[in-house]
Protein backbone atom coordinates (compact mmCIF):
# COMPACT_ATOMS: atom_id res chain seq x y z
CA UNK A 1 0.00 0.00 0.00
CA UNK A 2 1.46 3.42 -1.02
CA UNK A 3 1.63 6.46 1.25
CA UNK A 4 -1.22 8.08 -0.67
CA UNK A 5 -3.60 5.11 -0.43
CA UNK A 6 -6.78 5.75 1.61
CA UNK A 7 -5.66 9.29 2.54
CA UNK A 8 -9.18 10.40 1.75
CA UNK A 9 -10.49 7.85 4.27
CA UNK A 10 -8.05 9.07 6.87
CA UNK A 11 -9.21 12.66 6.40
CA UNK A 12 -12.82 11.55 6.59
CA UNK A 13 -12.05 9.96 9.96
CA UNK A 14 -10.52 13.28 10.95
CA UNK A 15 -13.58 15.16 9.71
CA UNK A 16 -15.93 12.83 11.52
CA UNK A 17 -14.85 14.49 14.73
CA UNK A 18 -15.82 17.87 13.24
CA UNK A 19 -19.32 19.32 12.79
CA UNK A 20 -20.49 21.07 9.67
CA UNK A 21 -18.78 24.25 10.75
CA UNK A 22 -15.34 22.54 10.70
CA UNK A 23 -14.89 22.43 14.44
CA UNK A 24 -13.72 19.45 16.53
CA UNK A 25 -15.90 17.94 19.18
CA UNK A 26 -13.92 17.44 22.35
CA UNK A 27 -14.55 16.13 25.84
CA UNK A 28 -13.60 17.97 29.00
CA UNK A 29 -11.26 15.77 31.07
CA UNK A 30 -10.29 18.14 33.89
CA UNK A 31 -10.56 21.72 35.09
CA UNK A 32 -8.27 23.85 37.30
CA UNK A 33 -8.25 27.51 38.29
CA UNK A 34 -6.79 28.62 34.94
CA UNK A 35 -7.49 26.04 32.24
CA UNK A 36 -10.03 23.56 30.96
CA UNK A 37 -8.33 20.44 29.57
CA UNK A 38 -10.10 18.91 26.56
CA UNK A 39 -9.59 15.53 24.87
CA UNK A 40 -9.73 16.24 21.11
CA UNK A 41 -8.75 12.74 19.95
CA UNK A 42 -5.00 13.44 19.68
CA UNK A 43 -2.19 12.06 21.76
CA UNK A 44 -1.93 15.41 23.50
CA UNK A 45 -4.85 17.29 25.05
CA UNK A 46 -5.91 20.84 24.27
CA UNK A 47 -6.54 23.71 26.66
CA UNK A 48 -9.03 26.56 26.93
CA UNK A 49 -8.78 29.44 29.42
CA UNK A 50 -11.47 29.21 32.14
CA UNK A 51 -12.22 32.89 31.48
CA UNK A 52 -13.89 32.16 28.09
CA UNK A 53 -16.72 30.28 29.78
CA UNK A 54 -19.74 32.17 31.16
CA UNK A 55 -20.87 29.20 33.21
CA UNK A 56 -18.97 26.36 34.90
CA UNK A 57 -17.90 23.30 32.88
CA UNK A 58 -17.33 19.82 34.26
CA UNK A 59 -15.39 16.73 33.21
CA UNK A 60 -17.40 14.83 30.60
CA UNK A 61 -18.92 17.92 29.02
CA UNK A 62 -18.80 18.02 25.21
CA UNK A 63 -17.36 21.14 23.52
CA UNK A 64 -16.91 22.35 19.96
CA UNK A 65 -13.38 23.75 19.52
CA UNK A 66 -10.82 24.67 16.86
CA UNK A 67 -7.02 24.29 17.07
CA UNK A 68 -5.41 27.72 17.18
CA UNK A 69 -1.81 26.61 17.83
CA UNK A 70 0.38 24.81 20.35
CA UNK A 71 1.97 25.72 23.65
CA UNK A 72 5.79 25.45 23.00
CA UNK A 73 6.50 24.82 26.69
CA UNK A 74 3.76 22.44 27.83
CA UNK A 75 3.08 20.90 24.43
CA UNK A 76 -0.70 21.27 24.80
CA UNK A 77 -2.83 22.29 21.81
CA UNK A 78 -4.18 25.82 22.15
CA UNK A 79 -7.93 25.68 21.48
CA UNK A 80 -10.55 28.23 20.48
CA UNK A 81 -14.34 28.07 20.81
CA UNK A 82 -14.71 30.02 17.59
CA UNK A 83 -14.13 28.50 14.14
CA UNK A 84 -10.69 29.03 12.55
CA UNK A 85 -11.32 30.17 8.99
CA UNK A 86 -9.35 28.30 6.30
CA UNK A 87 -9.42 30.08 2.97
CA UNK A 88 -9.47 27.86 -0.16
CA UNK A 89 -7.79 28.62 -3.52
CA UNK A 90 -7.94 25.43 -5.57
CA UNK A 91 -6.73 26.99 -8.81
CA UNK A 92 -3.48 28.18 -7.18
CA UNK A 93 -2.96 24.75 -5.61
CA UNK A 94 -3.52 22.97 -8.95
CA UNK A 95 -0.91 25.21 -10.59
CA UNK A 96 1.60 24.55 -7.76
CA UNK A 97 1.01 20.79 -8.23
CA UNK A 98 1.56 21.03 -12.01
CA UNK A 99 4.73 23.10 -11.57
CA UNK A 100 6.02 20.90 -8.71
CA UNK A 101 6.48 24.16 -6.85
CA UNK A 102 7.32 24.46 -3.17
CA UNK A 103 4.53 26.03 -1.10
CA UNK A 104 4.16 27.11 2.50
CA UNK A 105 1.84 25.43 4.97
CA UNK A 106 1.10 25.24 8.69
CA UNK A 107 0.95 21.94 10.56
CA UNK A 108 -2.35 21.91 12.42
CA UNK A 109 -2.46 18.52 14.08
CA UNK A 110 -1.26 14.94 14.42
CA UNK A 111 -3.67 12.25 13.22
CA UNK A 112 -3.44 8.55 12.44
CA UNK A 113 -0.72 7.95 9.84
CA UNK A 114 0.59 11.52 9.70
CA UNK A 115 -0.30 15.17 10.22
CA UNK A 116 -2.76 17.71 8.83
CA UNK A 117 -1.40 20.78 7.08
CA UNK A 118 -3.15 24.04 6.25
CA UNK A 119 -2.04 25.05 2.74
CA UNK A 120 -5.11 27.19 2.04
CA UNK A 121 -7.15 24.00 2.24
CA UNK A 122 -6.77 21.15 4.63
CA UNK A 123 -4.05 18.71 3.39
CA UNK A 124 -2.65 15.43 4.65
CA UNK A 125 1.05 14.67 5.04
CA UNK A 126 2.04 11.00 5.70
CA UNK A 127 4.36 10.43 8.67
CA UNK A 128 7.04 8.99 6.36
CA UNK A 129 7.12 12.27 4.40
CA UNK A 130 7.33 14.65 7.35
CA UNK A 131 11.13 14.50 7.53
CA UNK A 132 10.99 13.56 11.21
CA UNK A 133 12.62 10.55 12.85
CA UNK A 134 9.96 9.64 15.40
CA UNK A 135 6.53 10.51 16.77
CA UNK A 136 7.97 12.96 19.30
CA UNK A 137 9.54 15.05 16.57
CA UNK A 138 6.33 14.91 14.54
CA UNK A 139 4.35 16.24 17.52
CA UNK A 140 6.70 19.22 17.70
CA UNK A 141 5.76 20.20 14.13
CA UNK A 142 2.19 21.16 15.15
CA UNK A 143 1.76 24.90 14.88
CA UNK A 144 4.95 25.42 12.84
CA UNK A 145 5.18 26.73 9.29
CA UNK A 146 6.82 24.34 6.81
CA UNK A 147 7.83 24.18 3.14
CA UNK A 148 6.25 21.30 1.25
CA UNK A 149 5.21 20.10 -2.19
CA UNK A 150 1.83 18.80 -3.36
CA UNK A 151 2.07 15.17 -4.47
CA UNK A 152 -1.66 14.54 -4.96
CA UNK A 153 -4.68 16.78 -5.52
CA UNK A 154 -8.34 15.91 -6.13
CA UNK A 155 -10.57 18.99 -6.23
CA UNK A 156 -13.77 17.00 -6.37
CA UNK A 157 -12.99 15.06 -3.21
CA UNK A 158 -11.05 17.97 -1.68
CA UNK A 159 -8.17 15.53 -1.21
CA UNK A 160 -4.68 17.05 -1.02
CA UNK A 161 -1.48 15.21 -0.03
CA UNK A 162 1.79 17.08 0.61
CA UNK A 163 5.44 16.08 1.10
CA UNK A 164 7.96 17.91 3.27
CA UNK A 165 10.76 15.31 3.19
CA UNK A 166 11.43 15.71 -0.56
CA UNK A 167 11.81 19.46 -0.10
CA UNK A 168 14.20 19.00 2.84
CA UNK A 169 16.33 16.54 0.85
CA UNK A 170 16.54 18.92 -2.10
CA UNK A 171 17.49 21.76 0.21
CA UNK A 172 20.15 19.58 1.83
CA UNK A 173 21.61 18.65 -1.58
CA UNK A 174 21.58 22.30 -2.63
CA UNK A 175 23.29 23.28 0.61
CA UNK A 176 25.90 20.55 0.11
CA UNK A 177 26.50 21.71 -3.44
CA UNK A 178 27.12 25.24 -2.27
CA UNK A 179 29.39 23.91 0.46
CA UNK A 180 31.45 21.90 -2.04
CA UNK A 181 31.82 25.01 -4.19
CA UNK A 182 32.81 27.16 -1.22
CA UNK A 183 35.41 24.77 0.21
CA UNK A 184 39.00 25.14 -0.97
CA UNK A 185 41.84 22.68 -0.43
CA UNK A 186 44.08 24.01 2.31
CA UNK A 187 41.26 25.75 4.16
CA UNK A 188 40.83 25.25 7.91
CA UNK A 189 37.35 24.18 9.00
CA UNK A 190 35.56 23.48 12.27
CA UNK A 191 33.29 20.48 12.61
CA UNK A 192 31.63 17.93 14.84
CA UNK A 193 32.48 14.22 14.87
CA UNK A 194 29.31 12.53 13.66
CA UNK A 195 30.39 8.87 13.59
CA UNK A 196 33.48 6.65 13.98
CA UNK A 197 34.72 3.75 11.86
CA UNK A 198 37.83 1.57 11.93
CA UNK A 199 39.35 3.54 9.06
CA UNK A 200 38.50 7.04 10.27
CA UNK A 201 35.88 9.52 11.48
CA UNK A 202 33.06 11.33 9.66
CA UNK A 203 32.91 15.02 10.57
CA UNK A 204 29.98 17.36 9.96
CA UNK A 205 31.50 20.61 8.66
CA UNK A 206 28.36 22.65 8.16
CA UNK A 207 25.79 20.47 6.48
CA UNK A 208 28.15 18.06 4.72
CA UNK A 209 30.15 15.11 5.99
CA UNK A 210 33.91 14.91 5.47
CA UNK A 211 36.20 11.95 6.10
CA UNK A 212 39.05 12.26 8.58
CA UNK A 213 41.16 9.19 7.82
CA UNK A 214 42.82 7.43 10.76
CA UNK A 215 46.26 8.19 9.27
CA UNK A 216 45.43 11.93 9.26
CA UNK A 217 44.37 12.22 12.89
CA UNK A 218 47.83 12.54 14.42
CA UNK A 219 51.52 12.38 13.49
CA UNK A 220 51.84 9.55 16.01
CA UNK A 221 50.43 6.16 15.04
CA UNK A 222 46.70 5.79 15.85
CA UNK A 223 45.39 2.22 15.88
CA UNK A 224 41.73 3.16 16.17
CA UNK A 225 39.96 6.55 15.82
CA UNK A 226 37.97 5.70 18.97
CA UNK A 227 41.24 5.86 20.94
CA UNK A 228 41.48 9.63 20.44
CA UNK A 229 38.05 10.86 19.24
CA UNK A 230 34.45 10.69 20.51
CA UNK A 231 31.12 11.26 18.77
CA UNK A 232 30.02 14.87 19.29
CA UNK A 233 33.56 16.15 19.81
CA UNK A 234 34.38 19.51 18.22
CA UNK A 235 37.50 19.36 16.03
CA UNK A 236 39.54 21.67 13.82
CA UNK A 237 40.97 20.24 10.60
CA UNK A 238 42.53 21.13 7.27
CA UNK A 239 40.78 20.39 3.97
CA UNK A 240 43.24 18.27 1.97
CA UNK A 241 40.97 17.17 -0.90
CA UNK A 242 37.61 18.19 -2.39
CA UNK A 243 35.91 16.06 -5.07
CA UNK A 244 32.57 17.72 -6.03
CA UNK A 245 31.71 15.00 -8.57
CA UNK A 246 32.03 12.16 -6.07
CA UNK A 247 30.87 14.51 -3.30
CA UNK A 248 33.83 13.64 -1.12
CA UNK A 249 35.84 15.82 1.23
CA UNK A 250 39.02 14.65 2.99
CA UNK A 251 40.31 16.25 6.17
CA UNK A 252 43.52 16.18 8.20
CA UNK A 253 44.01 17.18 11.80
CA UNK A 254 47.72 16.40 11.93
CA UNK A 255 48.56 18.79 9.07
CA UNK A 256 47.57 21.72 11.26
CA UNK A 257 50.48 20.75 13.53
CA UNK A 258 54.21 21.22 12.72
CA UNK A 259 55.69 18.23 10.92
CA UNK A 260 57.91 16.28 13.36
CA UNK A 261 60.54 15.75 10.65
CA UNK A 262 61.17 19.50 10.45
CA UNK A 263 63.31 19.24 13.59
CA UNK A 264 64.98 15.88 12.87
CA UNK A 265 68.19 17.16 11.19
CA UNK A 266 68.98 19.40 14.15
CA UNK A 267 67.76 17.01 16.82
CA UNK A 268 69.26 13.67 15.74
CA UNK A 269 72.79 12.82 14.57
CA UNK A 270 74.44 9.65 13.26
CA UNK A 271 76.02 7.84 16.19
CA UNK A 272 73.50 9.12 18.76
CA UNK A 273 72.10 6.61 21.24
CA UNK A 274 68.30 6.85 21.29
CA UNK A 275 65.47 5.08 23.08
CA UNK A 276 62.08 4.23 21.59
CA UNK A 277 59.17 1.80 21.53
CA UNK A 278 58.78 -1.02 19.01
CA UNK A 279 55.67 0.00 17.02
CA UNK A 280 55.49 -2.84 14.48
CA UNK A 281 57.41 -5.86 13.23
CA UNK A 282 58.04 -6.76 9.58
CA UNK A 283 59.86 -9.70 8.00
CA UNK A 284 62.91 -7.52 7.32
CA UNK A 285 63.10 -5.60 10.59
CA UNK A 286 61.40 -3.68 13.39
CA UNK A 287 60.06 -0.11 13.41
CA UNK A 288 60.76 1.92 16.54
CA UNK A 289 58.85 5.11 17.44
CA UNK A 290 61.35 7.65 18.78
CA UNK A 291 58.67 10.32 19.26
CA UNK A 292 55.20 10.99 17.78
CA UNK A 293 55.59 10.98 14.00
CA UNK A 294 59.25 9.88 14.02
CA UNK A 295 60.11 6.24 13.45
CA UNK A 296 63.38 4.46 12.84
CA UNK A 297 63.93 0.97 11.46
CA UNK A 298 66.22 -1.76 12.82
CA UNK A 299 67.12 -4.21 10.06
CA UNK A 300 67.44 -7.86 11.10
CA UNK A 301 71.16 -7.73 10.24
CA UNK A 302 71.65 -4.98 12.86
CA UNK A 303 69.99 -6.78 15.76
CA UNK A 304 72.70 -9.06 17.17
CA UNK A 305 76.44 -9.61 17.04
CA UNK A 306 76.21 -13.09 18.50
CA UNK A 307 73.71 -14.89 16.30
CA UNK A 308 72.01 -14.69 12.94
CA UNK A 309 68.49 -13.30 13.44
CA UNK A 310 66.07 -14.79 10.92
CA UNK A 311 63.03 -12.74 11.96
CA UNK A 312 62.64 -9.74 14.31
CA UNK A 313 60.17 -11.60 16.55
CA UNK A 314 63.07 -13.85 17.62
CA UNK A 315 64.34 -10.93 19.72
CA UNK A 316 61.62 -8.25 19.91
CA UNK A 317 57.88 -7.79 20.32
CA UNK A 318 55.55 -4.84 19.78
CA UNK A 319 55.62 -2.47 22.76
CA UNK A 320 59.21 -3.27 23.81
CA UNK A 321 61.30 -0.31 24.92
CA UNK A 322 64.71 -0.53 23.23
CA UNK A 323 67.95 1.45 23.07
CA UNK A 324 69.62 1.76 19.69
CA UNK A 325 72.30 3.71 17.81
CA UNK A 326 71.47 5.89 14.79
CA UNK A 327 73.30 4.46 11.76
CA UNK A 328 71.90 6.81 9.11
CA UNK A 329 69.38 9.64 8.51
CA UNK A 330 67.65 10.42 5.21
CA UNK A 331 65.43 13.51 5.71
CA UNK A 332 64.26 13.50 2.06
CA UNK A 333 62.79 10.00 2.40
CA UNK A 334 62.01 10.47 6.09
CA UNK A 335 64.01 7.42 7.13
CA UNK A 336 66.23 6.71 10.12
CA UNK A 337 68.35 3.54 10.19
CA UNK A 338 68.95 2.15 13.66
CA UNK A 339 71.28 -0.51 15.06
CA UNK A 340 70.33 -2.55 18.10
CA UNK A 341 73.60 -4.48 18.36
CA UNK A 342 75.69 -1.29 18.19
CA UNK A 343 74.12 -0.12 21.45
CA UNK A 344 75.65 -3.17 23.13
CA UNK A 345 79.19 -2.29 21.93
CA UNK A 346 81.17 -3.86 19.08
CA UNK A 347 82.97 -6.98 20.36
CA UNK A 348 85.38 -6.73 17.40
CA UNK A 349 86.64 -3.34 18.54
CA UNK A 350 89.58 -4.79 20.52
CA UNK A 351 89.62 -8.27 18.97
CA UNK A 352 93.05 -7.69 17.39
CA UNK A 353 94.61 -7.22 20.83
CA UNK A 354 92.67 -9.97 22.60
CA UNK A 355 93.09 -12.58 19.87
CA UNK A 356 96.45 -11.92 18.26
CA UNK A 357 98.07 -14.65 16.16
CA UNK A 358 99.49 -17.39 18.42
CA UNK A 359 96.83 -16.84 21.15
CA UNK A 360 95.30 -20.06 22.49
CA UNK A 361 91.54 -19.82 23.00
CA UNK A 362 88.81 -22.09 24.33
CA UNK A 363 85.15 -21.98 23.38
CA UNK A 364 82.07 -23.92 22.23
CA UNK A 365 81.58 -25.13 18.67
CA UNK A 366 78.68 -23.05 17.27
CA UNK A 367 78.45 -24.58 13.80
CA UNK A 368 79.85 -27.56 11.92
CA UNK A 369 80.13 -27.27 8.12
CA UNK A 370 81.68 -29.40 5.37
CA UNK A 371 84.70 -27.09 5.22
CA UNK A 372 85.29 -26.83 8.97
CA UNK A 373 83.87 -25.71 12.31
CA UNK A 374 83.07 -22.32 13.89
CA UNK A 375 84.13 -21.70 17.50
CA UNK A 376 82.87 -18.86 19.73
CA UNK A 377 85.77 -16.92 21.23
CA UNK A 378 83.52 -14.43 23.08
CA UNK A 379 80.03 -12.96 22.73
CA UNK A 380 79.75 -11.79 19.13
CA UNK A 381 83.15 -13.08 17.97
CA UNK A 382 83.66 -16.41 16.20
CA UNK A 383 86.64 -18.04 14.56
CA UNK A 384 86.80 -20.80 11.94
CA UNK A 385 88.87 -23.99 12.13
CA UNK A 386 89.38 -25.25 8.60
CA UNK A 387 89.04 -29.00 8.10
CA UNK A 388 92.79 -29.15 7.40
CA UNK A 389 93.48 -27.62 10.85
CA UNK A 390 91.25 -29.94 12.90
CA UNK A 391 93.80 -32.75 13.30
CA UNK A 392 97.30 -33.84 12.31
CA UNK A 393 95.59 -36.74 10.55
CA UNK A 394 93.47 -36.60 7.41
CA UNK A 395 89.87 -35.53 8.18
CA UNK A 396 87.12 -36.12 5.63
CA UNK A 397 84.15 -35.10 7.76
CA UNK A 398 84.54 -32.38 10.47
CA UNK A 399 81.70 -33.93 12.49
CA UNK A 400 83.95 -36.95 13.02
CA UNK A 401 86.23 -34.71 15.11
CA UNK A 402 83.99 -32.10 16.74
CA UNK A 403 80.32 -31.86 17.75
CA UNK A 404 77.98 -28.88 18.06
CA UNK A 405 78.30 -27.34 21.54
CA UNK A 406 81.59 -29.14 22.32
CA UNK A 407 84.22 -26.96 24.03
CA UNK A 408 87.53 -27.07 22.22
CA UNK A 409 90.94 -25.39 22.39
CA UNK A 410 92.51 -23.83 19.34
CA UNK A 411 95.32 -21.50 18.35
CA UNK A 412 94.74 -18.23 16.47
CA UNK A 413 96.56 -18.41 13.15
CA UNK A 414 95.43 -15.06 11.72
CA UNK A 415 92.88 -12.29 12.34
CA UNK A 416 91.27 -9.80 9.93
CA UNK A 417 89.20 -7.24 11.96
CA UNK A 418 87.87 -5.49 8.85
CA UNK A 419 86.41 -8.70 7.41
CA UNK A 420 85.63 -9.91 10.94
CA UNK A 421 87.41 -13.20 10.29
CA UNK A 422 89.65 -15.27 12.55
CA UNK A 423 91.47 -18.40 11.40
CA UNK A 424 92.01 -21.06 14.06
CA UNK A 425 93.91 -24.34 14.32
CA UNK A 426 93.33 -27.24 16.65
CA UNK A 427 96.12 -29.42 15.31
CA UNK A 428 98.74 -26.84 16.27
CA UNK A 429 98.04 -27.72 19.91
CA UNK A 430 98.55 -31.46 19.41
CA UNK A 431 101.91 -32.50 20.97
CA UNK A 432 104.57 -33.75 18.44
CA UNK A 433 108.03 -35.33 18.55
CA UNK A 434 109.48 -31.90 17.87
CA UNK A 435 107.74 -30.51 20.98
CA UNK A 436 109.19 -33.31 23.09
CA UNK A 437 112.69 -32.86 21.60
CA UNK A 438 112.66 -29.10 22.38
CA UNK A 439 111.40 -29.81 25.90
CA UNK A 440 114.25 -32.30 26.52
CA UNK A 441 117.10 -30.09 25.24
CA UNK A 442 118.61 -26.69 25.95
CA UNK A 443 120.76 -24.20 24.16
CA UNK A 444 124.40 -25.31 23.79
CA UNK A 445 123.64 -29.02 23.84
CA UNK A 446 125.86 -31.10 21.49
CA UNK A 447 123.73 -33.55 19.48
CA UNK A 448 124.27 -35.88 16.56
CA UNK A 449 122.43 -35.53 13.29
CA UNK A 450 122.41 -36.50 9.65
CA UNK A 451 123.14 -33.89 7.01
CA UNK A 452 120.09 -33.67 4.75
CA UNK A 453 120.99 -30.74 2.55
CA UNK A 454 124.07 -28.63 1.94
CA UNK A 455 123.76 -25.20 0.36
CA UNK A 456 127.02 -23.36 0.83
CA UNK A 457 127.42 -22.59 4.56
CA UNK A 458 123.80 -23.38 5.36
CA UNK A 459 121.55 -26.40 5.06
CA UNK A 460 119.31 -28.78 6.97
CA UNK A 461 120.02 -31.60 9.37
CA UNK A 462 117.86 -34.40 10.81
CA UNK A 463 118.30 -34.73 14.57
CA UNK A 464 115.83 -37.55 15.09
CA UNK A 465 112.81 -39.27 13.59
CA UNK A 466 110.92 -36.47 11.83
CA UNK A 467 112.89 -33.75 13.69
CA UNK A 468 114.66 -31.31 11.40
CA UNK A 469 116.76 -28.22 12.11
CA UNK A 470 118.27 -25.39 10.13
CA UNK A 471 122.04 -25.95 10.11
CA UNK A 472 124.98 -23.59 9.81
CA UNK A 473 128.19 -25.09 8.43
CA UNK A 474 131.20 -23.01 9.50
CA UNK A 475 133.76 -24.95 7.39
CA UNK A 476 133.71 -24.90 3.60
CA UNK A 477 131.16 -27.38 2.49
CA UNK A 478 132.14 -29.91 -0.12
CA UNK A 479 129.80 -31.00 -2.86
CA UNK A 480 128.88 -34.69 -2.84
CA UNK A 481 131.42 -36.55 -4.99
CA UNK A 482 129.02 -38.99 -6.50
CA UNK A 483 125.71 -40.53 -5.86
CA UNK A 484 127.34 -43.86 -5.09
CA UNK A 485 129.58 -42.18 -2.53
CA UNK A 486 126.67 -40.41 -0.85
CA UNK A 487 124.65 -43.54 -0.65
CA UNK A 488 125.15 -45.71 2.41
CA UNK A 489 123.69 -48.86 3.74
CA UNK A 490 120.39 -47.57 5.24
CA UNK A 491 120.19 -50.26 7.87
CA UNK A 492 123.78 -49.54 8.96
CA UNK A 493 123.04 -45.76 8.90
CA UNK A 494 119.98 -46.10 11.10
CA UNK A 495 121.89 -48.09 13.69
CA UNK A 496 124.74 -45.62 13.54
CA UNK A 497 122.38 -42.60 13.95
CA UNK A 498 120.67 -44.13 16.94
CA UNK A 499 124.00 -44.74 18.63
CA UNK A 500 125.38 -41.31 17.75
CA UNK A 501 122.18 -39.44 18.74
CA UNK A 502 122.27 -41.18 22.10
CA UNK A 503 126.00 -40.78 22.70
CA UNK A 504 126.37 -37.35 21.08
CA UNK A 505 129.74 -38.51 19.57
CA UNK A 506 130.82 -37.31 16.17
CA UNK A 507 130.64 -39.79 13.38
CA UNK A 508 132.96 -37.89 11.04
CA UNK A 509 135.87 -35.59 11.55
CA UNK A 510 135.61 -31.93 10.72
CA UNK A 511 138.28 -32.34 8.15
CA UNK A 512 136.13 -34.73 6.09
CA UNK A 513 134.32 -33.09 3.17
CA UNK A 514 130.73 -32.27 4.17
CA UNK A 515 128.05 -33.96 2.14
CA UNK A 516 124.47 -35.17 2.43
CA UNK A 517 124.08 -38.40 4.33
CA UNK A 518 126.96 -37.81 6.72
CA UNK A 519 126.46 -38.17 10.47
CA UNK A 520 127.89 -35.11 12.23
CA UNK A 521 127.86 -33.44 15.63
CA UNK A 522 125.92 -30.18 15.98
CA UNK A 523 125.53 -27.55 18.67
CA UNK A 524 122.04 -26.28 19.38
CA UNK A 525 121.88 -22.49 18.92
CA UNK A 526 118.09 -21.93 18.97
CA UNK A 527 115.07 -23.68 20.50
CA UNK A 528 111.71 -21.96 19.77
CA UNK A 529 108.72 -23.97 21.04
CA UNK A 530 106.12 -21.43 19.80
CA UNK A 531 107.55 -21.27 16.30
CA UNK A 532 108.44 -24.98 16.47
CA UNK A 533 111.92 -24.21 15.18
CA UNK A 534 115.43 -25.51 15.94
CA UNK A 535 118.73 -24.10 14.68
CA UNK A 536 122.16 -25.81 15.00
CA UNK A 537 125.72 -25.24 13.86
CA UNK A 538 128.34 -27.76 12.90
CA UNK A 539 130.76 -28.74 15.62
């Protein structure tokens, strides 16, 4: 059923309460010293001054009355015992209907399904077309002058239907259109927060709604508009975009405040230690809020000296308070690079002094690879033992020698602080025959040895099984006469060397020409256990 259906019947019901003179028949419900209260069939009663009556009236008495208006304070209908004249001009109303013109009217009462309106004749306006939200608002219209449009007219039946809501909507659109034309990007406006959403707030800025996006509320990060705004709150904002075609207006509150980055170049310097709060975690790093609107980023590679961080959540969580060092500032891109590990101090700073070549260290094995094993020297500093330096025997698989977490001893072979690399050796600490020989002898000892090589006044001599020394020959060395001469019976030579090494006696005289293979007496002139080196000279 449409709004206009049976409007004639509704008006007839309204007229039924009236007599031929157009007045309403009411019933007196109560009387006080000033007023007579009359039930006229509406939700609210009407009143008549007691002074208009020449004789007393009592509850239950029937009266003929007309509605003259409404009391704005008490809400009662103001009644009159005389008829209210309603002029009629049907020709003017028909023309207004044809032209869809807006006309003026006065709301005279609330009836079933809507209200009555005096537009020169009595008209009906459905409740849905009054432009009100509820019955209470509709009651307040009685006695007020309104703008409306005729949507139905039947002169024969004196049936007129009017619409206020359509006029209000057109006026609102016209007002919005003017507002869109008036607004300029960059202008400052005042408004009232009308509603809140996850993505922002809608602000009434004088008849039109504008969107204040959550990212434009404050320079600091805002998770939800409800955290900082409330419905009904008065706000001041800057117009940052106007789109009349799409009827959209975008606002910003934060752009009315100084940009935090304006002071960054003078406030922050590379190398500064700063403290902030972890605001969010990404796969590649963590963002830290240093102050509202200023964030820095700690890359995963700058989080720890000691271990490889695969994801920021291994070390940090949102809301953590952290201290970091500024590694770089890019004002143009509004970026600050931070280092978490630098705030703890660089363990490589004095590594060259603590782990010089020849230093013996002890630490746990942190990783075992095909090419060797990594050993932790101290927090944040690791060295690598190549597979060839794990043992004095051939090693095919490092895990056959060391296990993850095992504590081992190793000697530093070399250190490169710039590349942050340290080469270690475990086999250098394995005792050998040379170590034992050096431990058992002292400088000046006379020992026997076999000449291995003669090169002028210098050469090499073998002092024992696998023990060689650099030799100095003070007498003129003679070249070997012939291969047959140099060759000796190996079994006889071995027995002879064992006897001579034990006795220390010379096997050849100094006058004999020096050549490879000879057994001679030598004096020890140098014993260096660290360098694993022995030097002798011919006796």
